[in-house]
């Protein structure tokens, strides 16, 4: 299976990634940002970039008809981040329950590919458990194998 993310650029620390979503609403600048939560755990967040303020809006619904390609681009950034920080954990949670569900569906769709290179856990009833299909997780943790 071929995965085609949007081209992106990153900073020298591999903590910020930028790309353009392209669709019927034109080009929308997106940012993927890795932020340290504690120790070796980093949150991955992404959203639309406000060009005037530099703020990232993770609850905006762009409706640019490219959500699959955007999620594949986020996955590519996670791979790039983990290439540079292989011992770090990546925490992911949507800005809403529906977005967390969207992430779960994306993970499930590509689970066999993800499991080749990553350990993946889901937060299920307040416990971190090995990710399995058909569970409604509250958040996710990844780490390079």
Protein backbone atom coordinates (compact mmCIF):
# COMPACT_ATOMS: atom_id res chain seq x y z
CA UNK A 1 0.00 0.00 0.00
CA UNK A 2 1.32 3.44 -0.92
CA UNK A 3 1.03 6.32 1.52
CA UNK A 4 1.42 9.82 0.14
CA UNK A 5 1.71 12.56 2.75
CA UNK A 6 1.80 16.23 1.93
CA UNK A 7 5.35 17.60 1.64
CA UNK A 8 6.30 19.22 4.92
CA UNK A 9 9.14 21.21 6.41
CA UNK A 10 10.45 20.98 9.93
CA UNK A 11 12.65 23.00 12.24
CA UNK A 12 16.11 21.89 13.38
CA UNK A 13 14.74 20.34 16.59
CA UNK A 14 12.16 18.23 14.69
CA UNK A 15 9.45 19.50 17.04
CA UNK A 16 7.48 21.66 14.57
CA UNK A 17 6.31 20.55 11.13
CA UNK A 18 4.42 22.68 8.60
CA UNK A 19 2.52 21.73 5.47
CA UNK A 20 -0.34 22.96 3.32
CA UNK A 21 -3.69 21.20 3.12
CA UNK A 22 -4.94 21.51 -0.45
CA UNK A 23 -8.59 21.15 -1.37
CA UNK A 24 -11.77 22.96 -2.38
CA UNK A 25 -11.16 25.65 0.28
CA UNK A 26 -7.72 26.37 -1.18
CA UNK A 27 -4.44 26.00 0.68
CA UNK A 28 -4.64 25.93 4.47
CA UNK A 29 -1.42 26.09 6.49
CA UNK A 30 -1.21 23.33 9.07
CA UNK A 31 1.25 22.82 11.89
CA UNK A 32 2.14 19.63 13.73
CA UNK A 33 3.83 20.36 17.06
CA UNK A 34 5.50 18.03 19.54
CA UNK A 35 5.46 19.45 23.07
CA UNK A 36 7.13 17.87 26.08
CA UNK A 37 4.60 16.76 28.70
CA UNK A 38 7.18 15.28 31.07
CA UNK A 39 10.45 13.41 30.81
CA UNK A 40 10.41 11.50 27.55
CA UNK A 41 6.70 11.95 26.81
CA UNK A 42 5.68 14.41 24.09
CA UNK A 43 2.21 15.47 23.05
CA UNK A 44 1.57 15.61 19.31
CA UNK A 45 -0.89 18.29 18.36
CA UNK A 46 -1.86 19.72 15.03
CA UNK A 47 -4.21 22.20 13.51
CA UNK A 48 -4.63 25.25 11.34
CA UNK A 49 -2.05 28.01 11.67
CA UNK A 50 -3.28 31.57 12.10
CA UNK A 51 -0.80 33.53 9.98
CA UNK A 52 -1.31 36.73 11.97
CA UNK A 53 -0.98 35.41 15.53
CA UNK A 54 1.06 32.23 14.96
CA UNK A 55 -1.52 30.32 17.05
CA UNK A 56 -2.46 26.77 16.18
CA UNK A 57 -6.18 26.02 16.23
CA UNK A 58 -6.74 22.32 16.81
CA UNK A 59 -10.52 22.46 16.99
CA UNK A 60 -11.07 24.12 13.61
CA UNK A 61 -12.92 22.01 11.06
CA UNK A 62 -11.32 22.89 7.73
CA UNK A 63 -13.57 20.73 5.52
CA UNK A 64 -10.93 20.69 2.79
CA UNK A 65 -11.85 17.10 1.80
CA UNK A 66 -8.37 15.78 2.54
CA UNK A 67 -8.60 14.44 6.10
CA UNK A 68 -7.03 11.10 5.12
CA UNK A 69 -4.02 12.80 3.55
CA UNK A 70 -3.71 15.15 6.54
CA UNK A 71 -3.66 12.18 8.96
CA UNK A 72 -1.08 10.41 6.78
CA UNK A 73 1.03 13.58 6.93
CA UNK A 74 0.74 13.61 10.74
CA UNK A 75 1.84 9.95 10.72
CA UNK A 76 4.84 10.87 8.55
CA UNK A 77 5.77 13.63 11.04
CA UNK A 78 5.50 11.12 13.91
CA UNK A 79 7.89 8.83 12.04
CA UNK A 80 10.30 11.71 11.44
CA UNK A 81 10.10 12.80 15.09
CA UNK A 82 10.72 9.23 16.28
CA UNK A 83 13.69 8.88 13.90
CA UNK A 84 15.33 11.68 15.89
CA UNK A 85 13.92 10.74 19.30
CA UNK A 86 13.53 6.95 19.21
CA UNK A 87 13.23 6.54 23.00
CA UNK A 88 10.50 9.15 23.41
CA UNK A 89 6.83 8.40 23.84
CA UNK A 90 4.26 10.24 21.72
CA UNK A 91 0.93 11.05 23.35
CA UNK A 92 -2.07 11.75 21.10
CA UNK A 93 -5.60 12.75 21.96
CA UNK A 94 -8.17 14.56 19.87
CA UNK A 95 -9.51 17.97 20.83
CA UNK A 96 -12.94 16.32 21.02
CA UNK A 97 -14.35 12.81 21.42
CA UNK A 98 -15.18 12.70 17.71
CA UNK A 99 -11.59 13.58 16.78
CA UNK A 100 -10.20 10.96 19.15
CA UNK A 101 -12.56 8.49 17.46
CA UNK A 102 -11.25 9.62 14.04
CA UNK A 103 -7.68 8.95 15.23
CA UNK A 104 -8.70 5.51 16.49
CA UNK A 105 -10.23 4.69 13.12
CA UNK A 106 -7.06 5.84 11.35
CA UNK A 107 -4.87 3.78 13.66
CA UNK A 108 -7.12 0.76 13.18
CA UNK A 109 -7.02 1.11 9.38
CA UNK A 110 -3.22 1.08 9.36
CA UNK A 111 -2.60 -1.01 12.47
CA UNK A 112 -0.56 -3.74 10.78
CA UNK A 113 1.81 -1.12 9.32
CA UNK A 114 2.05 0.83 12.58
CA UNK A 115 2.80 -2.27 14.66
CA UNK A 116 5.83 -3.10 12.49
CA UNK A 117 7.71 -0.08 13.84
CA UNK A 118 5.82 1.17 16.88
CA UNK A 119 4.49 0.04 20.21
CA UNK A 120 1.00 1.47 20.56
CA UNK A 121 -1.20 1.72 23.62
CA UNK A 122 -4.65 3.10 24.26
CA UNK A 123 -6.03 4.66 27.42
CA UNK A 124 -9.00 2.45 28.26
CA UNK A 125 -10.94 2.90 31.53
CA UNK A 126 -8.05 4.92 33.00
CA UNK A 127 -5.43 2.24 32.20
CA UNK A 128 -2.85 2.06 29.42
CA UNK A 129 -3.40 -1.17 27.48
CA UNK A 130 -1.97 -2.57 24.29
CA UNK A 131 -4.01 -1.15 21.41
CA UNK A 132 -6.66 -3.49 20.01
CA UNK A 133 -9.32 -2.97 17.40
CA UNK A 134 -12.89 -2.13 18.45
CA UNK A 135 -12.16 -0.32 21.71
CA UNK A 136 -13.06 3.31 22.34
CA UNK A 137 -9.86 4.75 23.72
CA UNK A 138 -9.51 8.12 25.43
CA UNK A 139 -5.94 8.72 24.19
CA UNK A 140 -2.98 6.95 22.58
CA UNK A 141 0.73 6.40 23.28
CA UNK A 142 3.30 5.46 20.64
CA UNK A 143 7.00 4.62 20.82
CA UNK A 144 9.44 3.38 18.24
CA UNK A 145 10.36 -0.30 18.70
